[in-house]
Amino acid sequence: MNNIDVSNVTEFVDVFANKDKFNGDVSKWNVSNGYDFEDMFYSCKKFTGDLSKWDVSNAVYFDTFFTFCYRFNSDLSN
């Protein structure tokens, strides 16, 4: 998954929503142009990916981004 160029994407709405078994590696995605991340990982019950290097400084919407992501416990402090 890290080979996908998403550097020009601005809306990541529902990208992985309701993908119960999704646990792909998106750690190297360049999401710096993204502003809408609503429901991106909604109900990804097994997702534990590393998003610590994502630059979401242009993001405005994160509604229900991790809702029902029971296993997600990664560091998002940066």
PDB file of N, CA and C in Angstrom:
ATOM      1  N   MET A   1       0.806  -1.193   0.000  1.00  0.00           N
ATOM      2  CA  MET A   1       0.000   0.000   0.000  1.00  0.00           C
ATOM      3  C   MET A   1       0.856   1.267   0.000  1.00  0.00           C
ATOM      4  N   ASN A   2       2.073   1.182   0.486  1.00  0.00           N
ATOM      5  CA  ASN A   2       2.917   2.368   0.567  1.00  0.00           C
ATOM      6  C   ASN A   2       3.368   2.881  -0.803  1.00  0.00           C
ATOM      7  N   ASN A   3       3.166   2.108  -1.852  1.00  0.00           N
ATOM      8  CA  ASN A   3       3.582   2.531  -3.185  1.00  0.00           C
ATOM      9  C   ASN A   3       2.541   3.396  -3.882  1.00  0.00           C
ATOM     10  N   ILE A   4       1.401   3.597  -3.262  1.00  0.00           N
ATOM     11  CA  ILE A   4       0.339   4.395  -3.863  1.00  0.00           C
ATOM     12  C   ILE A   4       0.624   5.872  -3.616  1.00  0.00           C
ATOM     13  N   ASP A   5       0.603   6.667  -4.680  1.00  0.00           N
ATOM     14  CA  ASP A   5       0.859   8.098  -4.558  1.00  0.00           C
ATOM     15  C   ASP A   5      -0.450   8.825  -4.264  1.00  0.00           C
ATOM     16  N   VAL A   6      -0.602   9.296  -3.036  1.00  0.00           N
ATOM     17  CA  VAL A   6      -1.800  10.029  -2.633  1.00  0.00           C
ATOM     18  C   VAL A   6      -1.462  11.489  -2.333  1.00  0.00           C
ATOM     19  N   SER A   7      -0.327  11.944  -2.791  1.00  0.00           N
ATOM     20  CA  SER A   7       0.155  13.285  -2.444  1.00  0.00           C
ATOM     21  C   SER A   7      -0.747  14.419  -2.936  1.00  0.00           C
ATOM     22  N   ASN A   8      -1.567  14.179  -3.942  1.00  0.00           N
ATOM     23  CA  ASN A   8      -2.469  15.216  -4.443  1.00  0.00           C
ATOM     24  C   ASN A   8      -3.910  15.037  -3.981  1.00  0.00           C
ATOM     25  N   VAL A   9      -4.150  14.024  -3.179  1.00  0.00           N
ATOM     26  CA  VAL A   9      -5.501  13.762  -2.685  1.00  0.00           C
ATOM     27  C   VAL A   9      -5.840  14.757  -1.581  1.00  0.00           C
ATOM     28  N   THR A  10      -7.046  15.305  -1.630  1.00  0.00           N
ATOM     29  CA  THR A  10      -7.484  16.253  -0.603  1.00  0.00           C
ATOM     30  C   THR A  10      -8.580  15.672   0.287  1.00  0.00           C
ATOM     31  N   GLU A  11      -9.333  14.708  -0.230  1.00  0.00           N
ATOM     32  CA  GLU A  11     -10.416  14.102   0.543  1.00  0.00           C
ATOM     33  C   GLU A  11     -10.189  12.601   0.682  1.00  0.00           C
ATOM     34  N   PHE A  12     -10.068  12.169   1.927  1.00  0.00           N
ATOM     35  CA  PHE A  12      -9.852  10.760   2.233  1.00  0.00           C
ATOM     36  C   PHE A  12     -11.088  10.140   2.886  1.00  0.00           C
ATOM     37  N   VAL A  13     -12.241  10.715   2.618  1.00  0.00           N
ATOM     38  CA  VAL A  13     -13.503  10.283   3.218  1.00  0.00           C
ATOM     39  C   VAL A  13     -13.803   8.830   2.865  1.00  0.00           C
ATOM     40  N   ASP A  14     -14.056   8.013   3.886  1.00  0.00           N
ATOM     41  CA  ASP A  14     -14.490   6.611   3.734  1.00  0.00           C
ATOM     42  C   ASP A  14     -13.501   5.700   3.005  1.00  0.00           C
ATOM     43  N   VAL A  15     -12.252   6.083   2.876  1.00  0.00           N
ATOM     44  CA  VAL A  15     -11.290   5.288   2.102  1.00  0.00           C
ATOM     45  C   VAL A  15     -11.263   3.833   2.559  1.00  0.00           C
ATOM     46  N   PHE A  16     -11.181   3.604   3.852  1.00  0.00           N
ATOM     47  CA  PHE A  16     -11.148   2.238   4.370  1.00  0.00           C
ATOM     48  C   PHE A  16     -12.352   1.922   5.253  1.00  0.00           C
ATOM     49  N   ALA A  17     -13.367   2.741   5.209  1.00  0.00           N
ATOM     50  CA  ALA A  17     -14.542   2.553   6.061  1.00  0.00           C
ATOM     51  C   ALA A  17     -15.168   1.181   5.852  1.00  0.00           C
ATOM     52  N   ASN A  18     -15.510   0.555   6.963  1.00  0.00           N
ATOM     53  CA  ASN A  18     -16.189  -0.745   6.988  1.00  0.00           C
ATOM     54  C   ASN A  18     -15.366  -1.890   6.402  1.00  0.00           C
ATOM     55  N   LYS A  19     -14.075  -1.714   6.329  1.00  0.00           N
ATOM     56  CA  LYS A  19     -13.179  -2.800   5.907  1.00  0.00           C
ATOM     57  C   LYS A  19     -12.700  -3.493   7.187  1.00  0.00           C
ATOM     58  N   ASP A  20     -13.541  -4.337   7.737  1.00  0.00           N
ATOM     59  CA  ASP A  20     -13.320  -4.949   9.049  1.00  0.00           C
ATOM     60  C   ASP A  20     -11.938  -5.560   9.226  1.00  0.00           C
ATOM     61  N   LYS A  21     -11.402  -6.144   8.175  1.00  0.00           N
ATOM     62  CA  LYS A  21     -10.136  -6.870   8.286  1.00  0.00           C
ATOM     63  C   LYS A  21      -8.931  -6.068   7.808  1.00  0.00           C
ATOM     64  N   PHE A  22      -9.138  -4.823   7.383  1.00  0.00           N
ATOM     65  CA  PHE A  22      -8.030  -4.024   6.864  1.00  0.00           C
ATOM     66  C   PHE A  22      -6.995  -3.740   7.950  1.00  0.00           C
ATOM     67  N   ASN A  23      -5.734  -3.987   7.627  1.00  0.00           N
ATOM     68  CA  ASN A  23      -4.621  -3.646   8.500  1.00  0.00           C
ATOM     69  C   ASN A  23      -3.378  -3.384   7.648  1.00  0.00           C
ATOM     70  N   GLY A  24      -3.575  -2.723   6.514  1.00  0.00           N
ATOM     71  CA  GLY A  24      -2.483  -2.438   5.586  1.00  0.00           C
ATOM     72  C   GLY A  24      -1.535  -1.368   6.098  1.00  0.00           C
ATOM     73  N   ASP A  25      -0.362  -1.339   5.501  1.00  0.00           N
ATOM     74  CA  ASP A  25       0.663  -0.366   5.872  1.00  0.00           C
ATOM     75  C   ASP A  25       0.513   0.888   5.021  1.00  0.00           C
ATOM     76  N   VAL A  26       0.077   1.968   5.642  1.00  0.00           N
ATOM     77  CA  VAL A  26      -0.068   3.260   4.966  1.00  0.00           C
ATOM     78  C   VAL A  26       0.821   4.299   5.648  1.00  0.00           C
ATOM     79  N   SER A  27       1.818   3.838   6.352  1.00  0.00           N
ATOM     80  CA  SER A  27       2.673   4.709   7.163  1.00  0.00           C
ATOM     81  C   SER A  27       3.459   5.733   6.347  1.00  0.00           C
ATOM     82  N   LYS A  28       3.733   5.435   5.090  1.00  0.00           N
ATOM     83  CA  LYS A  28       4.542   6.338   4.275  1.00  0.00           C
ATOM     84  C   LYS A  28       3.706   7.186   3.319  1.00  0.00           C
ATOM     85  N   TRP A  29       2.401   7.128   3.452  1.00  0.00           N
ATOM     86  CA  TRP A  29       1.538   7.950   2.602  1.00  0.00           C
ATOM     87  C   TRP A  29       1.784   9.420   2.889  1.00  0.00           C
ATOM     88  N   ASN A  30       1.867  10.221   1.830  1.00  0.00           N
ATOM     89  CA  ASN A  30       1.980  11.672   1.963  1.00  0.00           C
ATOM     90  C   ASN A  30       0.566  12.247   1.899  1.00  0.00           C
ATOM     91  N   VAL A  31      -0.023  12.509   3.061  1.00  0.00           N
ATOM     92  CA  VAL A  31      -1.399  13.008   3.149  1.00  0.00           C
ATOM     93  C   VAL A  31      -1.427  14.500   3.471  1.00  0.00           C
ATOM     94  N   SER A  32      -0.319  15.185   3.243  1.00  0.00           N
ATOM     95  CA  SER A  32      -0.181  16.585   3.652  1.00  0.00           C
ATOM     96  C   SER A  32      -1.151  17.537   2.958  1.00  0.00           C
ATOM     97  N   ASN A  33      -1.697  17.161   1.804  1.00  0.00           N
ATOM     98  CA  ASN A  33      -2.680  18.005   1.125  1.00  0.00           C
ATOM     99  C   ASN A  33      -4.117  17.692   1.549  1.00  0.00           C
ATOM    100  N   GLY A  34      -4.274  16.669   2.361  1.00  0.00           N
ATOM    101  CA  GLY A  34      -5.607  16.269   2.783  1.00  0.00           C
ATOM    102  C   GLY A  34      -6.228  17.238   3.771  1.00  0.00           C
ATOM    103  N   TYR A  35      -7.520  17.499   3.587  1.00  0.00           N
ATOM    104  CA  TYR A  35      -8.234  18.337   4.546  1.00  0.00           C
ATOM    105  C   TYR A  35      -9.457  17.626   5.118  1.00  0.00           C
ATOM    106  N   ASP A  36      -9.959  16.586   4.443  1.00  0.00           N
ATOM    107  CA  ASP A  36     -11.142  15.881   4.925  1.00  0.00           C
ATOM    108  C   ASP A  36     -10.833  14.397   5.096  1.00  0.00           C
ATOM    109  N   PHE A  37     -10.823  13.959   6.349  1.00  0.00           N
ATOM    110  CA  PHE A  37     -10.505  12.580   6.700  1.00  0.00           C
ATOM    111  C   PHE A  37     -11.682  11.874   7.379  1.00  0.00           C
ATOM    112  N   GLU A  38     -12.890  12.399   7.176  1.00  0.00           N
ATOM    113  CA  GLU A  38     -14.060  11.829   7.831  1.00  0.00           C
ATOM    114  C   GLU A  38     -14.208  10.341   7.518  1.00  0.00           C
ATOM    115  N   ASP A  39     -14.462   9.570   8.556  1.00  0.00           N
ATOM    116  CA  ASP A  39     -14.746   8.134   8.439  1.00  0.00           C
ATOM    117  C   ASP A  39     -13.649   7.325   7.745  1.00  0.00           C
ATOM    118  N   MET A  40     -12.463   7.844   7.641  1.00  0.00           N
ATOM    119  CA  MET A  40     -11.413   7.166   6.872  1.00  0.00           C
ATOM    120  C   MET A  40     -11.187   5.721   7.329  1.00  0.00           C
ATOM    121  N   PHE A  41     -11.106   5.505   8.625  1.00  0.00           N
ATOM    122  CA  PHE A  41     -10.888   4.157   9.151  1.00  0.00           C
ATOM    123  C   PHE A  41     -12.094   3.653   9.937  1.00  0.00           C
ATOM    124  N   TYR A  42     -13.245   4.227   9.699  1.00  0.00           N
ATOM    125  CA  TYR A  42     -14.465   3.857  10.421  1.00  0.00           C
ATOM    126  C   TYR A  42     -14.690   2.345  10.353  1.00  0.00           C
ATOM    127  N   SER A  43     -14.803   1.739  11.503  1.00  0.00           N
ATOM    128  CA  SER A  43     -15.086   0.304  11.647  1.00  0.00           C
ATOM    129  C   SER A  43     -13.994  -0.605  11.087  1.00  0.00           C
ATOM    130  N   CYS A  44     -12.758  -0.122  11.068  1.00  0.00           N
ATOM    131  CA  CYS A  44     -11.603  -0.971  10.719  1.00  0.00           C
ATOM    132  C   CYS A  44     -11.159  -1.649  12.007  1.00  0.00           C
ATOM    133  N   LYS A  45     -11.858  -2.670  12.368  1.00  0.00           N
ATOM    134  CA  LYS A  45     -11.722  -3.293  13.680  1.00  0.00           C
ATOM    135  C   LYS A  45     -10.340  -3.879  13.954  1.00  0.00           C
ATOM    136  N   LYS A  46      -9.565  -4.176  12.929  1.00  0.00           N
ATOM    137  CA  LYS A  46      -8.245  -4.785  13.125  1.00  0.00           C
ATOM    138  C   LYS A  46      -7.086  -3.843  12.815  1.00  0.00           C
ATOM    139  N   PHE A  47      -7.382  -2.610  12.430  1.00  0.00           N
ATOM    140  CA  PHE A  47      -6.334  -1.682  12.026  1.00  0.00           C
ATOM    141  C   PHE A  47      -5.445  -1.271  13.198  1.00  0.00           C
ATOM    142  N   THR A  48      -4.141  -1.444  13.027  1.00  0.00           N
ATOM    143  CA  THR A  48      -3.165  -1.065  14.055  1.00  0.00           C
ATOM    144  C   THR A  48      -1.999  -0.306  13.436  1.00  0.00           C
ATOM    145  N   GLY A  49      -2.195   0.233  12.247  1.00  0.00           N
ATOM    146  CA  GLY A  49      -1.120   0.870  11.491  1.00  0.00           C
ATOM    147  C   GLY A  49      -0.469   2.063  12.170  1.00  0.00           C
ATOM    148  N   ASP A  50       0.723   2.360  11.713  1.00  0.00           N
ATOM    149  CA  ASP A  50       1.513   3.478  12.225  1.00  0.00           C
ATOM    150  C   ASP A  50       1.218   4.723  11.393  1.00  0.00           C
ATOM    151  N   LEU A  51       0.622   5.724  12.017  1.00  0.00           N
ATOM    152  CA  LEU A  51       0.314   6.982  11.337  1.00  0.00           C
ATOM    153  C   LEU A  51       1.119   8.130  11.940  1.00  0.00           C
ATOM    154  N   SER A  52       2.121   7.806  12.700  1.00  0.00           N
ATOM    155  CA  SER A  52       2.873   8.810  13.458  1.00  0.00           C
ATOM    156  C   SER A  52       3.621   9.816  12.591  1.00  0.00           C
ATOM    157  N   LYS A  53       3.894   9.470  11.355  1.00  0.00           N
ATOM    158  CA  LYS A  53       4.634  10.390  10.477  1.00  0.00           C
ATOM    159  C   LYS A  53       3.724  11.142   9.505  1.00  0.00           C
ATOM    160  N   TRP A  54       2.437  10.931   9.602  1.00  0.00           N
ATOM    161  CA  TRP A  54       1.500  11.641   8.732  1.00  0.00           C
ATOM    162  C   TRP A  54       1.465  13.113   9.093  1.00  0.00           C
ATOM    163  N   ASP A  55       1.526  13.964   8.079  1.00  0.00           N
ATOM    164  CA  ASP A  55       1.380  15.414   8.264  1.00  0.00           C
ATOM    165  C   ASP A  55      -0.072  15.765   7.947  1.00  0.00           C
ATOM    166  N   VAL A  56      -0.850  15.995   8.985  1.00  0.00           N
ATOM    167  CA  VAL A  56      -2.263  16.334   8.807  1.00  0.00           C
ATOM    168  C   VAL A  56      -2.520  17.789   9.217  1.00  0.00           C
ATOM    169  N   SER A  57      -1.516  18.624   9.056  1.00  0.00           N
ATOM    170  CA  SER A  57      -1.619  20.021   9.475  1.00  0.00           C
ATOM    171  C   SER A  57      -2.644  20.814   8.657  1.00  0.00           C
ATOM    172  N   ASN A  58      -3.017  20.346   7.472  1.00  0.00           N
ATOM    173  CA  ASN A  58      -4.033  21.021   6.660  1.00  0.00           C
ATOM    174  C   ASN A  58      -5.424  20.437   6.866  1.00  0.00           C
ATOM    175  N   ALA A  59      -5.523  19.422   7.702  1.00  0.00           N
ATOM    176  CA  ALA A  59      -6.802  18.739   7.916  1.00  0.00           C
ATOM    177  C   ALA A  59      -7.782  19.606   8.688  1.00  0.00           C
ATOM    178  N   VAL A  60      -9.040  19.495   8.296  1.00  0.00           N
ATOM    179  CA  VAL A  60     -10.119  20.222   8.950  1.00  0.00           C
ATOM    180  C   VAL A  60     -11.129  19.254   9.559  1.00  0.00           C
ATOM    181  N   TYR A  61     -11.398  18.159   8.869  1.00  0.00           N
ATOM    182  CA  TYR A  61     -12.437  17.225   9.303  1.00  0.00           C
ATOM    183  C   TYR A  61     -11.858  15.859   9.663  1.00  0.00           C
ATOM    184  N   PHE A  62     -12.174  15.420  10.885  1.00  0.00           N
ATOM    185  CA  PHE A  62     -11.768  14.097  11.362  1.00  0.00           C
ATOM    186  C   PHE A  62     -12.937  13.346  11.982  1.00  0.00           C
ATOM    187  N   ASP A  63     -14.164  13.768  11.710  1.00  0.00           N
ATOM    188  CA  ASP A  63     -15.330  13.130  12.332  1.00  0.00           C
ATOM    189  C   ASP A  63     -15.289  11.622  12.135  1.00  0.00           C
ATOM    190  N   THR A  64     -15.485  10.900  13.196  1.00  0.00           N
ATOM    191  CA  THR A  64     -15.530   9.435  13.254  1.00  0.00           C
ATOM    192  C   THR A  64     -14.376   8.751  12.511  1.00  0.00           C
ATOM    193  N   PHE A  65     -13.227   9.372  12.525  1.00  0.00           N
ATOM    194  CA  PHE A  65     -12.016   8.858  11.872  1.00  0.00           C
ATOM    195  C   PHE A  65     -11.663   7.451  12.351  1.00  0.00           C
ATOM    196  N   PHE A  66     -11.686   7.229  13.658  1.00  0.00           N
ATOM    197  CA  PHE A  66     -11.322   5.934  14.233  1.00  0.00           C
ATOM    198  C   PHE A  66     -12.488   5.235  14.938  1.00  0.00           C
ATOM    199  N   THR A  67     -13.710   5.653  14.709  1.00  0.00           N
ATOM    200  CA  THR A  67     -14.849   5.028  15.380  1.00  0.00           C
ATOM    201  C   THR A  67     -14.887   3.542  15.069  1.00  0.00           C
ATOM    202  N   PHE A  68     -15.017   2.738  16.102  1.00  0.00           N
ATOM    203  CA  PHE A  68     -15.052   1.275  16.026  1.00  0.00           C
ATOM    204  C   PHE A  68     -13.738   0.653  15.554  1.00  0.00           C
ATOM    205  N   CYS A  69     -12.641   1.346  15.758  1.00  0.00           N
ATOM    206  CA  CYS A  69     -11.308   0.782  15.496  1.00  0.00           C
ATOM    207  C   CYS A  69     -10.786   0.268  16.839  1.00  0.00           C
ATOM    208  N   TYR A  70     -11.257  -0.861  17.231  1.00  0.00           N
ATOM    209  CA  TYR A  70     -11.020  -1.371  18.578  1.00  0.00           C
ATOM    210  C   TYR A  70      -9.559  -1.646  18.905  1.00  0.00           C
ATOM    211  N   ARG A  71      -8.757  -1.999  17.941  1.00  0.00           N
ATOM    212  CA  ARG A  71      -7.361  -2.363  18.200  1.00  0.00           C
ATOM    213  C   ARG A  71      -6.369  -1.222  18.008  1.00  0.00           C
ATOM    214  N   PHE A  72      -6.796  -0.134  17.384  1.00  0.00           N
ATOM    215  CA  PHE A  72      -5.877   0.954  17.106  1.00  0.00           C
ATOM    216  C   PHE A  72      -5.369   1.587  18.404  1.00  0.00           C
ATOM    217  N   ASN A  73      -4.044   1.638  18.541  1.00  0.00           N
ATOM    218  CA  ASN A  73      -3.444   2.175  19.757  1.00  0.00           C
ATOM    219  C   ASN A  73      -2.077   2.774  19.433  1.00  0.00           C
ATOM    220  N   SER A  74      -1.925   3.353  18.263  1.00  0.00           N
ATOM    221  CA  SER A  74      -0.640   3.919  17.851  1.00  0.00           C
ATOM    222  C   SER A  74      -0.456   5.332  18.373  1.00  0.00           C
ATOM    223  N   ASP A  75       0.780   5.749  18.437  1.00  0.00           N
ATOM    224  CA  ASP A  75       1.146   7.078  18.920  1.00  0.00           C
ATOM    225  C   ASP A  75       0.808   8.133  17.863  1.00  0.00           C
ATOM    226  N   LEU A  76      -0.005   9.106  18.242  1.00  0.00           N
ATOM    227  CA  LEU A  76      -0.382  10.191  17.344  1.00  0.00           C
ATOM    228  C   LEU A  76       0.037  11.540  17.918  1.00  0.00           C
ATOM    229  N   SER A  77       0.976  11.538  18.825  1.00  0.00           N
ATOM    230  CA  SER A  77       1.337  12.753  19.546  1.00  0.00           C
ATOM    231  C   SER A  77       1.968  13.823  18.647  1.00  0.00           C
ATOM    232  N   ASN A  78       2.565  13.421  17.537  1.00  0.00           N
ATOM    233  CA  ASN A  78       3.163  14.421  16.644  1.00  0.00           C
ATOM    234  C   ASN A  78       2.155  14.906  15.640  1.00  0.00           C
TER     235      ASN A  78
END
